[in-house]
Amino acid sequence: MTAFAITVDVLAASIHSKTGFISVMSEIEGLLQSATALNICGIPDSIDLDGFPERCSQTIHLASVVGEAQEMNLIPDSLHQFVDDVVLTGKRFDAEGDTNAWCYGFKLGTERGLAYWSGV
């Protein structure tokens, strides 16, 4: 699964099965860990059509999905431990790559969630 194939709808659909949810969260965490490792090793990143490093674009997207799902209260308390691990991995991506991609994406996601609740 590519980073951009993971959406709030995919995440919401996986919540009904603990195994399915863990699978999606593991996919997100694996993508983040791979991107972090490539950054640490100094392996150059490709540039996307918007002129941004591809790893940052993917991280922004993944963070926005997680942030929106949390803001919309789609994730039950029993599954939050898996989300917490992914959030820490995203923050590590920012720290190791000297970016703000995870935090920015997460903020975008929470703003979308708030807009949903306010009817905007």
Protein backbone atom coordinates (compact mmCIF):
# COMPACT_ATOMS: atom_id res chain seq x y z
CA MET A 1 0.00 0.00 0.00
CA THR A 2 1.36 3.43 -0.87
CA ALA A 3 1.22 6.32 1.55
CA PHE A 4 -1.43 8.14 -0.49
CA ALA A 5 -3.68 5.05 -0.60
CA ILE A 6 -4.15 5.36 3.17
CA THR A 7 -7.10 7.66 3.80
CA VAL A 8 -9.41 8.47 6.68
CA ASP A 9 -11.98 6.19 5.05
CA VAL A 10 -9.49 3.30 4.94
CA LEU A 11 -8.56 3.92 8.57
CA ALA A 12 -12.23 4.18 9.63
CA ALA A 13 -13.09 0.95 7.81
CA SER A 14 -10.29 -0.88 9.62
CA ILE A 15 -11.49 0.10 13.09
CA HIS A 16 -14.10 -2.67 13.21
CA SER A 17 -11.34 -5.26 13.33
CA LYS A 18 -8.47 -4.87 15.77
CA THR A 19 -6.28 -6.88 13.40
CA GLY A 20 -7.27 -4.69 10.45
CA PHE A 21 -6.57 -1.50 12.39
CA ILE A 22 -3.19 -2.76 13.58
CA SER A 23 -2.38 -3.69 9.98
CA VAL A 24 -3.11 -0.17 8.70
CA MET A 25 -1.24 1.48 11.58
CA SER A 26 1.71 -0.86 11.02
CA GLU A 27 1.74 0.14 7.36
CA ILE A 28 1.85 3.83 8.35
CA GLU A 29 4.56 3.21 10.93
CA GLY A 30 6.63 1.19 8.45
CA LEU A 31 6.46 3.95 5.84
CA LEU A 32 7.56 6.50 8.43
CA GLN A 33 10.40 4.30 9.69
CA SER A 34 11.65 3.71 6.15
CA ALA A 35 11.58 7.43 5.38
CA THR A 36 13.41 8.21 8.63
CA ALA A 37 16.07 5.58 7.93
CA LEU A 38 16.63 6.92 4.41
CA ASN A 39 17.03 10.44 5.82
CA ILE A 40 19.47 9.26 8.50
CA CYS A 41 21.56 7.46 5.86
CA GLY A 42 21.66 10.60 3.74
CA ILE A 43 19.96 8.98 0.77
CA PRO A 44 18.62 11.75 -1.47
CA ASP A 45 14.87 12.13 -1.76
CA SER A 46 12.96 12.55 -4.99
CA ILE A 47 11.02 15.75 -5.55
CA ASP A 48 7.27 15.56 -6.18
CA LEU A 49 5.29 17.57 -8.74
CA ASP A 50 4.81 20.41 -6.25
CA GLY A 51 8.56 20.74 -5.68
CA PHE A 52 8.58 19.16 -2.23
CA PRO A 53 10.64 16.18 -1.09
CA GLU A 54 8.51 13.07 -1.66
CA ARG A 55 9.08 11.73 1.87
CA CYS A 56 7.82 14.98 3.37
CA SER A 57 4.72 14.96 1.15
CA GLN A 58 3.97 11.38 2.16
CA THR A 59 4.52 12.17 5.84
CA ILE A 60 2.25 15.22 5.66
CA HIS A 61 -0.47 13.08 4.12
CA LEU A 62 -0.14 10.26 6.67
CA ALA A 63 -0.09 12.70 9.59
CA SER A 64 -3.19 14.47 8.27
CA VAL A 65 -5.03 11.14 8.07
CA VAL A 66 -4.13 10.26 11.66
CA GLY A 67 -4.89 13.78 12.91
CA GLU A 68 -8.28 13.91 11.20
CA ALA A 69 -9.26 10.45 12.45
CA GLN A 70 -8.35 11.43 16.01
CA GLU A 71 -10.16 14.77 15.83
CA MET A 72 -13.29 13.07 14.50
CA ASN A 73 -13.14 10.56 17.37
CA LEU A 74 -13.03 7.65 14.94
CA ILE A 75 -10.47 5.73 16.98
CA PRO A 76 -11.79 3.93 20.08
CA ASP A 77 -9.82 4.21 23.32
CA SER A 78 -8.88 0.53 23.11
CA LEU A 79 -6.86 1.24 19.94
CA HIS A 80 -5.17 4.51 20.95
CA GLN A 81 -1.97 2.77 22.07
CA PHE A 82 -1.26 1.92 18.42
CA VAL A 83 -1.87 5.51 17.35
CA ASP A 84 0.47 6.81 20.06
CA ASP A 85 3.31 4.67 18.67
CA VAL A 86 2.74 6.03 15.16
CA VAL A 87 2.66 9.63 16.42
CA LEU A 88 6.02 9.11 18.13
CA THR A 89 7.44 7.64 14.92
CA GLY A 90 6.16 10.67 12.99
CA LYS A 91 7.76 13.05 15.46
CA ARG A 92 11.01 11.13 15.09
CA PHE A 93 10.80 11.65 11.31
CA ASP A 94 10.61 15.40 11.93
CA ALA A 95 13.50 15.33 14.39
CA GLU A 96 15.82 13.18 12.27
CA GLY A 97 15.03 14.90 8.98
CA ASP A 98 14.97 18.43 10.40
CA THR A 99 11.47 18.92 9.02
CA ASN A 100 8.09 19.89 10.36
CA ALA A 101 6.21 17.56 8.01
CA TRP A 102 4.55 15.37 10.65
CA CYS A 103 3.47 18.25 12.88
CA TYR A 104 2.22 20.27 9.90
CA GLY A 105 0.26 17.33 8.47
CA PHE A 106 -1.23 16.44 11.84
CA LYS A 107 -2.37 20.06 12.26
CA LEU A 108 -3.98 19.99 8.80
CA GLY A 109 -5.82 16.80 9.71
CA THR A 110 -7.12 18.14 13.01
CA GLU A 111 -8.28 21.31 11.24
CA ARG A 112 -10.21 19.18 8.70
CA GLY A 113 -11.76 17.27 11.59
CA LEU A 114 -12.77 20.49 13.32
CA ALA A 115 -14.25 21.81 10.06
CA TYR A 116 -16.28 18.62 9.77
CA TRP A 117 -17.70 19.04 13.28
CA SER A 118 -18.47 22.73 12.74
CA GLY A 119 -20.20 22.03 9.42
CA VAL A 120 -17.81 24.13 7.34
